[in-house]
Amino acid sequence: MSYVIANIPPIACYVRKEYLRDFQDGHGEFTPAYWVTVKAIPHRALYIEAFLPEYGALYDKLPISAFVWKPQIPSPDLTLGDLQLWDAISPQLAVVEKAVLKNMRCKFRTPAGVWSEGHYLFTVDMVHSDPNEIDAYWSRVPAEHKSYNFMRLDNGQFAAQPNNRVLWLDEALVYKETKMPDFKVSTKEFSAEEGRWKLGDSDAWGYEPTPKVDNPKTT
């Protein structure tokens, strides 16, 4: 199922305290935290809710740039626009841990063309599944659909990047000499149910169609 808000793995990390102080102070200070939920509001960055054990409190609506996994200022210190390429495009999301990619090394390219490496964590995918709600967003449009692969970066930050900005570095699966992807954006919708047969008035258990008779005889 899809939700506006969903549980995510309880990743241990730190919050940059200026985010907890509305940027009035706290710069250069860090508070231990665990991720709790993620929220999708269209045209805004994904919002993460964190549990803060020092305070026994929850703090909501934090962007991914608020978090580091070691209590120090990252180098380089990537901006929110570097760490998450796109805002949420739908108020519905689904969270999945891609088993094939679990803990796999990866790298992503910032808008400026700089590569940053890290490890895969999980993925947030934009979806629309409520048939009683008008889909006024972009998640079902093939060329506009977005997913967000969360990763722990070597520089101490976290990132949420779409498939087309990430390359995977698994030693066992990836070729020694890799090609740079030259793919085109997918613009087509595919269906497995086009022009094969019509079975609405058939009670055949094995979906065997009735043989076509070109010139039926009359008596």
N, C-alpha and C. Protein backbone atom coordinates (compact mmCIF):
# COMPACT_ATOMS: atom_id res chain seq x y z
N MET A 1 0.83 -1.20 0.00
CA MET A 1 0.00 0.00 0.00
C MET A 1 0.86 1.24 0.00
N SER A 2 0.28 2.35 -0.40
CA SER A 2 1.01 3.61 -0.43
C SER A 2 0.41 4.60 0.56
N TYR A 3 1.23 5.50 1.03
CA TYR A 3 0.82 6.41 2.06
C TYR A 3 1.47 7.77 1.83
N VAL A 4 0.92 8.81 2.47
CA VAL A 4 1.58 10.10 2.52
C VAL A 4 2.77 10.03 3.46
N ILE A 5 2.66 9.21 4.48
CA ILE A 5 3.74 9.02 5.45
C ILE A 5 3.95 7.52 5.64
N ALA A 6 5.21 7.10 5.79
CA ALA A 6 5.52 5.68 5.90
C ALA A 6 6.69 5.47 6.84
N ASN A 7 6.73 4.28 7.45
CA ASN A 7 7.86 3.91 8.29
C ASN A 7 9.11 3.70 7.43
N ILE A 8 10.26 4.02 7.99
CA ILE A 8 11.54 3.73 7.33
C ILE A 8 12.45 3.07 8.35
N PRO A 9 13.52 2.39 7.89
CA PRO A 9 14.43 1.74 8.84
C PRO A 9 15.00 2.75 9.85
N PRO A 10 15.19 2.32 11.11
CA PRO A 10 15.67 3.23 12.15
C PRO A 10 17.17 3.47 12.04
N ILE A 11 17.57 4.19 11.02
CA ILE A 11 18.98 4.48 10.78
C ILE A 11 19.54 5.36 11.90
N ALA A 12 20.63 4.92 12.54
CA ALA A 12 21.28 5.72 13.57
C ALA A 12 22.08 6.85 12.91
N CYS A 13 21.92 8.07 13.40
CA CYS A 13 22.56 9.21 12.76
C CYS A 13 22.63 10.37 13.76
N TYR A 14 22.92 11.54 13.24
CA TYR A 14 22.92 12.77 14.04
C TYR A 14 22.16 13.84 13.26
N VAL A 15 21.47 14.72 14.00
CA VAL A 15 20.83 15.88 13.39
C VAL A 15 21.73 17.09 13.59
N ARG A 16 21.92 17.86 12.56
CA ARG A 16 22.63 19.12 12.69
C ARG A 16 21.73 20.07 13.47
N LYS A 17 22.20 20.52 14.61
CA LYS A 17 21.31 21.17 15.58
C LYS A 17 20.71 22.47 15.07
N GLU A 18 21.32 23.12 14.10
CA GLU A 18 20.71 24.34 13.57
C GLU A 18 19.34 24.07 12.97
N TYR A 19 19.12 22.82 12.50
CA TYR A 19 17.80 22.47 11.97
C TYR A 19 16.76 22.36 13.08
N LEU A 20 17.21 22.05 14.29
CA LEU A 20 16.30 21.96 15.45
C LEU A 20 16.06 23.33 16.08
N ARG A 21 16.83 24.32 15.67
CA ARG A 21 16.76 25.66 16.26
C ARG A 21 16.34 26.71 15.23
N ASP A 22 15.73 26.24 14.13
CA ASP A 22 15.24 27.12 13.08
C ASP A 22 16.34 28.03 12.54
N PHE A 23 17.58 27.51 12.56
CA PHE A 23 18.77 28.19 12.03
C PHE A 23 19.12 29.48 12.78
N GLN A 24 18.55 29.65 13.98
CA GLN A 24 18.91 30.83 14.78
C GLN A 24 20.24 30.64 15.50
N ASP A 25 20.56 29.39 15.85
CA ASP A 25 21.83 29.05 16.48
C ASP A 25 22.02 27.54 16.36
N GLY A 26 22.99 26.99 17.08
CA GLY A 26 23.24 25.55 17.04
C GLY A 26 24.15 25.10 15.93
N HIS A 27 24.69 26.01 15.15
CA HIS A 27 25.56 25.62 14.04
C HIS A 27 26.82 24.94 14.55
N GLY A 28 27.18 23.82 13.92
CA GLY A 28 28.35 23.07 14.34
C GLY A 28 28.09 22.11 15.49
N GLU A 29 26.83 22.01 15.98
CA GLU A 29 26.46 21.09 17.04
C GLU A 29 25.63 19.95 16.44
N PHE A 30 25.65 18.79 17.11
CA PHE A 30 24.98 17.60 16.59
C PHE A 30 24.25 16.87 17.69
N THR A 31 23.07 16.33 17.36
CA THR A 31 22.22 15.61 18.31
C THR A 31 21.99 14.19 17.81
N PRO A 32 22.26 13.14 18.61
CA PRO A 32 21.99 11.76 18.17
C PRO A 32 20.52 11.56 17.81
N ALA A 33 20.28 10.72 16.80
CA ALA A 33 18.92 10.52 16.32
C ALA A 33 18.77 9.16 15.66
N TYR A 34 17.51 8.75 15.50
CA TYR A 34 17.14 7.58 14.70
C TYR A 34 16.02 8.00 13.76
N TRP A 35 16.09 7.56 12.51
CA TRP A 35 15.01 7.84 11.58
C TRP A 35 13.77 7.05 11.97
N VAL A 36 12.61 7.67 11.79
CA VAL A 36 11.34 7.04 12.17
C VAL A 36 10.40 6.91 10.96
N THR A 37 10.07 8.03 10.31
CA THR A 37 9.15 8.01 9.18
C THR A 37 9.65 8.96 8.09
N VAL A 38 9.05 8.79 6.90
CA VAL A 38 9.28 9.73 5.80
C VAL A 38 7.93 10.19 5.29
N LYS A 39 7.86 11.46 4.86
CA LYS A 39 6.60 12.06 4.45
C LYS A 39 6.77 12.72 3.08
N ALA A 40 5.75 12.59 2.22
CA ALA A 40 5.79 13.18 0.88
C ALA A 40 4.74 14.28 0.77
N ILE A 41 5.19 15.50 0.56
CA ILE A 41 4.33 16.64 0.25
C ILE A 41 4.78 17.17 -1.11
N PRO A 42 3.91 17.14 -2.12
CA PRO A 42 4.34 17.55 -3.45
C PRO A 42 5.00 18.92 -3.47
N HIS A 43 6.05 19.02 -4.27
CA HIS A 43 6.81 20.25 -4.48
C HIS A 43 7.65 20.65 -3.27
N ARG A 44 7.86 19.72 -2.35
CA ARG A 44 8.78 19.94 -1.24
C ARG A 44 9.73 18.75 -1.15
N ALA A 45 10.87 18.96 -0.51
CA ALA A 45 11.79 17.85 -0.26
C ALA A 45 11.10 16.79 0.59
N LEU A 46 11.55 15.54 0.48
CA LEU A 46 11.04 14.51 1.38
C LEU A 46 11.35 14.92 2.82
N TYR A 47 10.37 14.71 3.70
CA TYR A 47 10.53 15.09 5.11
C TYR A 47 10.73 13.84 5.96
N ILE A 48 11.73 13.87 6.80
CA ILE A 48 12.05 12.75 7.68
C ILE A 48 11.74 13.12 9.12
N GLU A 49 11.08 12.20 9.83
CA GLU A 49 10.83 12.36 11.27
C GLU A 49 11.90 11.59 12.02
N ALA A 50 12.46 12.21 13.06
CA ALA A 50 13.56 11.61 13.80
C ALA A 50 13.23 11.51 15.28
N PHE A 51 13.68 10.43 15.90
CA PHE A 51 13.60 10.26 17.36
C PHE A 51 14.93 10.73 17.96
N LEU A 52 14.84 11.60 18.97
CA LEU A 52 16.03 12.20 19.59
C LEU A 52 16.16 11.68 21.02
N PRO A 53 16.99 10.63 21.24
CA PRO A 53 17.05 10.00 22.55
C PRO A 53 17.57 10.91 23.66
N GLU A 54 18.38 11.92 23.36
CA GLU A 54 18.84 12.84 24.39
C GLU A 54 17.69 13.61 25.02
N TYR A 55 16.61 13.79 24.24
CA TYR A 55 15.47 14.57 24.71
C TYR A 55 14.23 13.72 24.95
N GLY A 56 14.25 12.47 24.48
CA GLY A 56 13.03 11.67 24.52
C GLY A 56 11.94 12.30 23.69
N ALA A 57 12.32 12.87 22.53
CA ALA A 57 11.38 13.65 21.73
C ALA A 57 11.45 13.23 20.27
N LEU A 58 10.39 13.55 19.53
CA LEU A 58 10.35 13.42 18.08
C LEU A 58 10.44 14.80 17.46
N TYR A 59 11.13 14.87 16.30
CA TYR A 59 11.16 16.12 15.54
C TYR A 59 10.87 15.77 14.10
N ASP A 60 9.92 16.49 13.53
CA ASP A 60 9.38 16.15 12.21
C ASP A 60 9.84 17.17 11.16
N LYS A 61 9.59 16.81 9.90
CA LYS A 61 9.78 17.70 8.75
C LYS A 61 11.22 18.14 8.56
N LEU A 62 12.15 17.20 8.69
CA LEU A 62 13.56 17.49 8.47
C LEU A 62 13.98 16.97 7.09
N PRO A 63 14.63 17.78 6.27
CA PRO A 63 15.13 17.30 4.98
C PRO A 63 16.36 16.44 5.17
N ILE A 64 16.76 15.74 4.14
CA ILE A 64 17.88 14.81 4.26
C ILE A 64 19.19 15.55 4.55
N SER A 65 19.27 16.83 4.22
CA SER A 65 20.47 17.61 4.50
C SER A 65 20.66 17.88 5.98
N ALA A 66 19.63 17.63 6.80
CA ALA A 66 19.73 17.85 8.24
C ALA A 66 20.53 16.76 8.94
N PHE A 67 20.83 15.66 8.23
CA PHE A 67 21.39 14.48 8.90
C PHE A 67 22.82 14.18 8.45
N VAL A 68 23.60 13.71 9.40
CA VAL A 68 24.94 13.15 9.14
C VAL A 68 25.06 11.87 9.96
N TRP A 69 25.99 10.99 9.56
CA TRP A 69 26.14 9.75 10.34
C TRP A 69 27.38 9.77 11.22
N LYS A 70 28.10 10.86 11.21
CA LYS A 70 29.17 11.09 12.18
C LYS A 70 29.11 12.55 12.60
N PRO A 71 29.35 12.85 13.90
CA PRO A 71 29.10 14.20 14.43
C PRO A 71 30.19 15.20 14.06
N GLN A 72 30.25 15.54 12.81
CA GLN A 72 31.19 16.55 12.35
C GLN A 72 30.69 17.15 11.05
N ILE A 73 31.16 18.33 10.72
CA ILE A 73 30.75 18.99 9.49
C ILE A 73 31.34 18.22 8.31
N PRO A 74 30.53 17.79 7.35
CA PRO A 74 31.03 16.98 6.24
C PRO A 74 31.99 17.77 5.35
N SER A 75 32.84 17.01 4.67
CA SER A 75 33.73 17.61 3.69
C SER A 75 33.81 16.68 2.48
N PRO A 76 33.28 17.13 1.33
CA PRO A 76 32.59 18.41 1.11
C PRO A 76 31.21 18.41 1.76
N ASP A 77 30.69 19.58 2.05
CA ASP A 77 29.38 19.72 2.68
C ASP A 77 28.36 19.97 1.58
N LEU A 78 27.71 18.87 1.12
CA LEU A 78 26.79 18.97 0.00
C LEU A 78 25.47 19.62 0.41
N THR A 79 24.89 20.40 -0.49
CA THR A 79 23.63 21.09 -0.23
C THR A 79 22.45 20.14 -0.38
N LEU A 80 21.27 20.58 0.05
CA LEU A 80 20.06 19.78 -0.12
C LEU A 80 19.82 19.48 -1.59
N GLY A 81 20.05 20.47 -2.47
CA GLY A 81 19.85 20.26 -3.90
C GLY A 81 20.82 19.26 -4.50
N ASP A 82 21.98 19.07 -3.87
CA ASP A 82 22.90 18.02 -4.31
C ASP A 82 22.46 16.66 -3.80
N LEU A 83 21.99 16.60 -2.55
CA LEU A 83 21.68 15.34 -1.89
C LEU A 83 20.37 14.73 -2.38
N GLN A 84 19.39 15.57 -2.72
CA GLN A 84 18.12 15.09 -3.26
C GLN A 84 17.83 15.89 -4.52
N LEU A 85 17.83 15.21 -5.67
CA LEU A 85 17.73 15.90 -6.95
C LEU A 85 16.35 16.48 -7.19
N TRP A 86 15.29 15.76 -6.82
CA TRP A 86 13.91 16.19 -7.11
C TRP A 86 13.08 16.26 -5.84
N ASP A 87 12.15 17.23 -5.79
CA ASP A 87 11.14 17.26 -4.74
C ASP A 87 10.15 16.11 -4.95
N ALA A 88 9.29 15.89 -3.96
CA ALA A 88 8.26 14.86 -4.08
C ALA A 88 7.30 15.25 -5.21
N ILE A 89 6.93 14.28 -6.04
CA ILE A 89 6.03 14.55 -7.16
C ILE A 89 4.63 13.97 -6.92
N SER A 90 4.40 13.40 -5.75
CA SER A 90 3.11 12.79 -5.43
C SER A 90 2.93 12.78 -3.92
N PRO A 91 1.70 12.86 -3.42
CA PRO A 91 1.47 12.75 -1.98
C PRO A 91 1.42 11.31 -1.49
N GLN A 92 1.69 10.35 -2.38
CA GLN A 92 1.70 8.95 -1.99
C GLN A 92 3.06 8.34 -2.28
N LEU A 93 3.53 7.55 -1.33
CA LEU A 93 4.84 6.93 -1.48
C LEU A 93 4.82 5.51 -0.93
N ALA A 94 5.81 4.75 -1.35
CA ALA A 94 6.02 3.40 -0.83
C ALA A 94 7.50 3.26 -0.51
N VAL A 95 7.81 2.50 0.55
CA VAL A 95 9.19 2.28 0.98
C VAL A 95 9.54 0.82 0.77
N VAL A 96 10.69 0.57 0.14
CA VAL A 96 11.12 -0.81 -0.12
C VAL A 96 12.63 -0.89 0.07
N GLU A 97 13.07 -1.98 0.67
CA GLU A 97 14.50 -2.29 0.73
C GLU A 97 14.80 -3.26 -0.41
N LYS A 98 15.52 -2.82 -1.41
CA LYS A 98 15.82 -3.66 -2.56
C LYS A 98 16.87 -4.68 -2.16
N ALA A 99 16.44 -5.95 -2.04
CA ALA A 99 17.31 -6.99 -1.49
C ALA A 99 18.57 -7.19 -2.33
N VAL A 100 18.45 -7.11 -3.64
CA VAL A 100 19.62 -7.32 -4.51
C VAL A 100 20.69 -6.26 -4.25
N LEU A 101 20.28 -5.08 -3.83
CA LEU A 101 21.21 -3.96 -3.64
C LEU A 101 21.63 -3.75 -2.19
N LYS A 102 21.20 -4.61 -1.28
CA LYS A 102 21.42 -4.39 0.14
C LYS A 102 22.90 -4.12 0.44
N ASN A 103 23.16 -2.96 1.06
CA ASN A 103 24.51 -2.53 1.46
C ASN A 103 25.49 -2.39 0.31
N MET A 104 25.01 -2.41 -0.93
CA MET A 104 25.91 -2.33 -2.08
C MET A 104 26.56 -0.95 -2.18
N ARG A 105 27.82 -0.93 -2.56
CA ARG A 105 28.49 0.33 -2.83
C ARG A 105 27.87 0.97 -4.07
N CYS A 106 27.82 2.30 -4.07
CA CYS A 106 27.25 3.02 -5.19
C CYS A 106 27.82 4.43 -5.22
N LYS A 107 27.55 5.12 -6.30
CA LYS A 107 27.95 6.52 -6.40
C LYS A 107 26.90 7.27 -7.19
N PHE A 108 26.77 8.57 -6.90
CA PHE A 108 25.81 9.38 -7.65
C PHE A 108 26.49 10.67 -8.08
N ARG A 109 25.90 11.28 -9.10
CA ARG A 109 26.47 12.50 -9.67
C ARG A 109 25.60 13.69 -9.32
N THR A 110 26.19 14.73 -8.75
CA THR A 110 25.48 15.95 -8.40
C THR A 110 25.16 16.74 -9.67
N PRO A 111 24.26 17.74 -9.57
CA PRO A 111 23.98 18.57 -10.75
C PRO A 111 25.23 19.22 -11.34
N ALA A 112 26.26 19.45 -10.52
CA ALA A 112 27.50 20.05 -11.02
C ALA A 112 28.43 19.01 -11.66
N GLY A 113 28.02 17.73 -11.64
CA GLY A 113 28.82 16.70 -12.27
C GLY A 113 29.84 16.05 -11.36
N VAL A 114 29.77 16.30 -10.05
CA VAL A 114 30.72 15.72 -9.10
C VAL A 114 30.17 14.40 -8.57
N TRP A 115 31.01 13.35 -8.53
CA TRP A 115 30.60 12.04 -8.04
C TRP A 115 30.81 11.93 -6.54
N SER A 116 29.84 11.35 -5.83
CA SER A 116 29.95 11.06 -4.40
C SER A 116 29.61 9.59 -4.17
N GLU A 117 30.42 8.89 -3.38
CA GLU A 117 30.23 7.46 -3.16
C GLU A 117 29.64 7.17 -1.78
N GLY A 118 29.02 5.98 -1.66
CA GLY A 118 28.46 5.56 -0.40
C GLY A 118 27.91 4.15 -0.48
N HIS A 119 26.98 3.82 0.45
CA HIS A 119 26.33 2.51 0.50
C HIS A 119 24.82 2.69 0.42
N TYR A 120 24.15 1.78 -0.29
CA TYR A 120 22.70 1.80 -0.43
C TYR A 120 22.02 1.43 0.89
N LEU A 121 20.89 2.10 1.19
CA LEU A 121 20.09 1.83 2.40
C LEU A 121 18.70 1.28 2.05
N PHE A 122 17.88 2.07 1.36
CA PHE A 122 16.51 1.67 0.98
C PHE A 122 16.02 2.66 -0.05
N THR A 123 14.80 2.43 -0.56
CA THR A 123 14.25 3.28 -1.62
C THR A 123 12.85 3.76 -1.27
N VAL A 124 12.59 5.02 -1.55
CA VAL A 124 11.25 5.60 -1.49
C VAL A 124 10.77 5.80 -2.92
N ASP A 125 9.61 5.23 -3.25
CA ASP A 125 9.09 5.31 -4.61
C ASP A 125 7.78 6.10 -4.61
N MET A 126 7.64 6.98 -5.58
CA MET A 126 6.41 7.75 -5.72
C MET A 126 5.38 6.92 -6.48
N VAL A 127 4.20 6.78 -5.93
CA VAL A 127 3.15 5.95 -6.52
C VAL A 127 1.81 6.65 -6.39
N HIS A 128 0.78 6.07 -7.02
CA HIS A 128 -0.60 6.51 -6.81
C HIS A 128 -1.47 5.27 -6.86
N SER A 129 -2.12 4.93 -5.75
CA SER A 129 -2.85 3.66 -5.70
C SER A 129 -4.30 3.79 -5.26
N ASP A 130 -4.76 5.00 -4.96
CA ASP A 130 -6.13 5.16 -4.47
C ASP A 130 -7.06 5.44 -5.64
N PRO A 131 -7.91 4.46 -6.03
CA PRO A 131 -8.78 4.66 -7.19
C PRO A 131 -9.88 5.69 -6.94
N ASN A 132 -10.10 6.06 -5.69
CA ASN A 132 -11.13 7.04 -5.37
C ASN A 132 -10.58 8.45 -5.23
N GLU A 133 -9.31 8.62 -5.57
CA GLU A 133 -8.69 9.93 -5.49
C GLU A 133 -8.14 10.31 -6.85
N ILE A 134 -8.45 11.51 -7.31
CA ILE A 134 -7.96 11.97 -8.60
C ILE A 134 -6.44 12.03 -8.56
N ASP A 135 -5.81 11.49 -9.59
CA ASP A 135 -4.35 11.55 -9.69
C ASP A 135 -3.98 12.82 -10.45
N ALA A 136 -3.68 13.88 -9.70
CA ALA A 136 -3.32 15.17 -10.30
C ALA A 136 -1.81 15.38 -10.31
N TYR A 137 -1.06 14.30 -10.11
CA TYR A 137 0.39 14.42 -10.00
C TYR A 137 1.06 13.63 -11.12
N TRP A 138 2.33 13.30 -10.97
CA TRP A 138 3.13 12.83 -12.08
C TRP A 138 3.64 11.39 -11.93
N SER A 139 3.27 10.71 -10.87
CA SER A 139 3.90 9.41 -10.60
C SER A 139 3.55 8.36 -11.64
N ARG A 140 2.42 8.49 -12.35
CA ARG A 140 2.04 7.50 -13.35
C ARG A 140 2.50 7.86 -14.76
N VAL A 141 3.10 9.01 -14.94
CA VAL A 141 3.60 9.42 -16.25
C VAL A 141 4.99 8.82 -16.43
N PRO A 142 5.19 7.92 -17.40
CA PRO A 142 6.46 7.20 -17.49
C PRO A 142 7.70 8.09 -17.47
N ALA A 143 7.69 9.19 -18.21
CA ALA A 143 8.88 10.02 -18.31
C ALA A 143 9.11 10.87 -17.06
N GLU A 144 8.10 10.97 -16.18
CA GLU A 144 8.20 11.85 -15.02
C GLU A 144 8.29 11.11 -13.69
N HIS A 145 7.98 9.80 -13.70
CA HIS A 145 8.01 9.04 -12.45
C HIS A 145 9.39 9.13 -11.80
N LYS A 146 9.42 9.21 -10.46
CA LYS A 146 10.68 9.31 -9.73
C LYS A 146 10.71 8.31 -8.59
N SER A 147 11.89 7.78 -8.31
CA SER A 147 12.15 7.04 -7.08
C SER A 147 13.38 7.65 -6.44
N TYR A 148 13.57 7.37 -5.16
CA TYR A 148 14.65 7.99 -4.39
C TYR A 148 15.43 6.89 -3.66
N ASN A 149 16.62 6.58 -4.15
CA ASN A 149 17.48 5.60 -3.51
C ASN A 149 18.26 6.29 -2.39
N PHE A 150 17.97 5.89 -1.15
CA PHE A 150 18.67 6.48 0.00
C PHE A 150 20.01 5.78 0.17
N MET A 151 21.03 6.57 0.44
CA MET A 151 22.38 6.02 0.62
C MET A 151 23.13 6.78 1.70
N ARG A 152 24.04 6.06 2.35
CA ARG A 152 24.93 6.65 3.35
C ARG A 152 26.25 6.98 2.65
N LEU A 153 26.59 8.27 2.60
CA LEU A 153 27.74 8.71 1.83
C LEU A 153 29.03 8.66 2.65
N ASP A 154 30.13 8.48 1.95
CA ASP A 154 31.43 8.40 2.61
C ASP A 154 31.80 9.71 3.33
N ASN A 155 31.28 10.83 2.88
CA ASN A 155 31.63 12.12 3.48
C ASN A 155 30.88 12.40 4.78
N GLY A 156 29.97 11.47 5.18
CA GLY A 156 29.23 11.64 6.42
C GLY A 156 27.79 12.04 6.26
N GLN A 157 27.36 12.34 5.03
CA GLN A 157 25.97 12.74 4.80
C GLN A 157 25.15 11.57 4.25
N PHE A 158 23.87 11.84 4.00
CA PHE A 158 22.97 10.89 3.36
C PHE A 158 22.44 11.54 2.08
N ALA A 159 22.03 10.71 1.12
CA ALA A 159 21.48 11.23 -0.13
C ALA A 159 20.27 10.40 -0.54
N ALA A 160 19.42 10.98 -1.38
CA ALA A 160 18.24 10.30 -1.94
C ALA A 160 18.21 10.62 -3.42
N GLN A 161 18.61 9.65 -4.25
CA GLN A 161 18.85 9.91 -5.66
C GLN A 161 18.05 8.97 -6.56
N PRO A 162 17.61 9.47 -7.73
CA PRO A 162 16.89 8.62 -8.69
C PRO A 162 17.83 7.66 -9.40
N ASN A 163 17.25 6.62 -10.01
CA ASN A 163 18.06 5.59 -10.68
C ASN A 163 19.01 6.18 -11.72
N ASN A 164 18.56 7.21 -12.44
CA ASN A 164 19.37 7.70 -13.55
C ASN A 164 20.54 8.57 -13.10
N ARG A 165 20.73 8.76 -11.78
CA ARG A 165 21.89 9.49 -11.28
C ARG A 165 22.84 8.60 -10.50
N VAL A 166 22.52 7.29 -10.41
CA VAL A 166 23.29 6.38 -9.55
C VAL A 166 23.94 5.28 -10.38
N LEU A 167 25.19 4.96 -10.06
CA LEU A 167 25.86 3.79 -10.60
C LEU A 167 26.24 2.87 -9.44
N TRP A 168 26.17 1.57 -9.67
CA TRP A 168 26.38 0.57 -8.63
C TRP A 168 27.75 -0.06 -8.78
N LEU A 169 28.41 -0.36 -7.64
CA LEU A 169 29.83 -0.69 -7.64
C LEU A 169 30.12 -2.07 -7.07
N ASP A 170 29.17 -2.99 -7.15
CA ASP A 170 29.35 -4.31 -6.56
C ASP A 170 30.51 -5.06 -7.23
N GLU A 171 31.42 -5.60 -6.42
CA GLU A 171 32.61 -6.26 -6.95
C GLU A 171 32.30 -7.59 -7.64
N ALA A 172 31.24 -8.27 -7.20
CA ALA A 172 30.93 -9.58 -7.76
C ALA A 172 30.09 -9.51 -9.03
N LEU A 173 29.27 -8.47 -9.17
CA LEU A 173 28.31 -8.43 -10.26
C LEU A 173 28.69 -7.46 -11.39
N VAL A 174 29.32 -6.36 -11.05
CA VAL A 174 29.59 -5.32 -12.05
C VAL A 174 30.85 -5.67 -12.84
N TYR A 175 30.80 -5.48 -14.14
CA TYR A 175 31.94 -5.77 -15.01
C TYR A 175 33.15 -4.90 -14.63
N LYS A 176 34.35 -5.41 -14.91
CA LYS A 176 35.57 -4.65 -14.63
C LYS A 176 35.61 -3.37 -15.45
N GLU A 177 35.24 -3.48 -16.72
CA GLU A 177 35.18 -2.30 -17.59
C GLU A 177 33.71 -2.01 -17.87
N THR A 178 33.20 -0.97 -17.27
CA THR A 178 31.79 -0.65 -17.42
C THR A 178 31.58 0.43 -18.48
N LYS A 179 30.41 0.43 -19.08
CA LYS A 179 30.02 1.45 -20.04
C LYS A 179 29.26 2.57 -19.32
N MET A 180 29.37 3.77 -19.83
CA MET A 180 28.54 4.85 -19.32
C MET A 180 27.15 4.73 -19.92
N PRO A 181 26.07 4.68 -19.11
CA PRO A 181 24.73 4.52 -19.66
C PRO A 181 24.41 5.58 -20.72
N ASP A 182 23.88 5.11 -21.84
CA ASP A 182 23.46 6.02 -22.91
C ASP A 182 21.96 5.84 -23.18
N PHE A 183 21.22 5.50 -22.13
CA PHE A 183 19.80 5.16 -22.25
C PHE A 183 18.96 6.41 -22.54
N LYS A 184 17.78 6.19 -23.10
CA LYS A 184 16.79 7.24 -23.29
C LYS A 184 15.71 7.12 -22.20
N VAL A 185 15.08 8.23 -21.86
CA VAL A 185 14.00 8.23 -20.88
C VAL A 185 12.83 7.41 -21.42
N SER A 186 12.27 6.55 -20.57
CA SER A 186 11.12 5.74 -20.97
C SER A 186 9.87 6.61 -21.07
N THR A 187 9.23 6.61 -22.24
CA THR A 187 8.03 7.44 -22.44
C THR A 187 6.79 6.60 -22.73
N LYS A 188 6.92 5.28 -22.84
CA LYS A 188 5.80 4.43 -23.27
C LYS A 188 5.16 3.71 -22.08
N GLU A 189 3.87 3.44 -22.24
CA GLU A 189 3.14 2.60 -21.30
C GLU A 189 2.94 1.23 -21.95
N PHE A 190 3.14 0.16 -21.17
CA PHE A 190 3.06 -1.19 -21.71
C PHE A 190 1.89 -1.95 -21.09
N SER A 191 1.25 -2.76 -21.91
CA SER A 191 0.15 -3.61 -21.45
C SER A 191 0.31 -4.99 -22.05
N ALA A 192 0.05 -6.04 -21.25
CA ALA A 192 0.12 -7.42 -21.74
C ALA A 192 -1.21 -7.87 -22.32
N GLU A 193 -2.24 -7.01 -22.31
CA GLU A 193 -3.58 -7.41 -22.70
C GLU A 193 -4.07 -6.63 -23.91
N GLU A 194 -3.35 -6.71 -25.00
CA GLU A 194 -3.74 -5.96 -26.19
C GLU A 194 -3.85 -6.88 -27.40
N GLY A 195 -5.09 -7.10 -27.90
CA GLY A 195 -5.32 -7.73 -29.19
C GLY A 195 -5.08 -9.22 -29.29
N ARG A 196 -5.10 -9.96 -28.19
CA ARG A 196 -4.83 -11.39 -28.29
C ARG A 196 -6.09 -12.21 -28.48
N TRP A 197 -7.09 -12.00 -27.62
CA TRP A 197 -8.32 -12.77 -27.67
C TRP A 197 -9.38 -12.05 -26.86
N LYS A 198 -10.58 -12.57 -26.90
CA LYS A 198 -11.68 -12.04 -26.11
C LYS A 198 -12.30 -13.21 -25.36
N LEU A 199 -12.31 -13.13 -24.05
CA LEU A 199 -12.71 -14.27 -23.23
C LEU A 199 -13.86 -13.95 -22.28
N GLY A 200 -14.47 -12.79 -22.43
CA GLY A 200 -15.50 -12.39 -21.48
C GLY A 200 -16.71 -13.30 -21.43
N ASP A 201 -17.00 -13.97 -22.56
CA ASP A 201 -18.18 -14.85 -22.59
C ASP A 201 -17.79 -16.32 -22.66
N SER A 202 -16.54 -16.64 -22.24
CA SER A 202 -16.08 -18.02 -22.29
C SER A 202 -15.98 -18.58 -20.89
N ASP A 203 -16.37 -19.86 -20.74
CA ASP A 203 -16.21 -20.53 -19.45
C ASP A 203 -15.11 -21.59 -19.51
N ALA A 204 -14.25 -21.52 -20.53
CA ALA A 204 -13.17 -22.49 -20.69
C ALA A 204 -12.12 -22.27 -19.59
N TRP A 205 -11.83 -23.34 -18.84
CA TRP A 205 -10.92 -23.22 -17.70
C TRP A 205 -9.51 -22.83 -18.12
N GLY A 206 -9.04 -23.32 -19.27
CA GLY A 206 -7.68 -23.06 -19.72
C GLY A 206 -7.57 -21.89 -20.67
N TYR A 207 -8.61 -21.03 -20.73
CA TYR A 207 -8.61 -19.85 -21.61
C TYR A 207 -8.41 -20.22 -23.07
N GLU A 208 -8.91 -21.42 -23.47
CA GLU A 208 -8.77 -21.81 -24.86
C GLU A 208 -9.81 -21.07 -25.69
N PRO A 209 -9.37 -20.27 -26.64
CA PRO A 209 -10.35 -19.53 -27.44
C PRO A 209 -11.13 -20.44 -28.36
N THR A 210 -12.35 -20.08 -28.70
CA THR A 210 -13.17 -20.84 -29.65
C THR A 210 -12.59 -20.69 -31.04
N PRO A 211 -12.37 -21.80 -31.76
CA PRO A 211 -11.80 -21.69 -33.12
C PRO A 211 -12.65 -20.79 -33.99
N LYS A 212 -11.96 -19.97 -34.77
CA LYS A 212 -12.65 -19.05 -35.66
C LYS A 212 -13.15 -19.79 -36.89
N VAL A 213 -14.41 -19.60 -37.27
CA VAL A 213 -14.99 -20.21 -38.47
C VAL A 213 -15.21 -19.12 -39.48
N ASP A 214 -14.49 -19.21 -40.60
CA ASP A 214 -14.56 -18.15 -41.60
C ASP A 214 -15.88 -18.18 -42.37
N ASN A 215 -16.35 -19.41 -42.76
CA ASN A 215 -17.56 -19.54 -43.55
C ASN A 215 -18.48 -20.59 -42.94
N PRO A 216 -19.18 -20.22 -41.90
CA PRO A 216 -20.03 -21.22 -41.24
C PRO A 216 -21.12 -21.74 -42.19
N LYS A 217 -21.38 -23.09 -42.12
CA LYS A 217 -22.40 -23.69 -42.98
C LYS A 217 -23.78 -23.56 -42.33
N THR A 218 -24.75 -23.44 -43.14
CA THR A 218 -26.14 -23.35 -42.64
C THR A 218 -26.88 -24.60 -43.07
N THR A 219 -27.88 -25.01 -42.32
CA THR A 219 -28.67 -26.18 -42.68
C THR A 219 -30.10 -25.78 -42.89
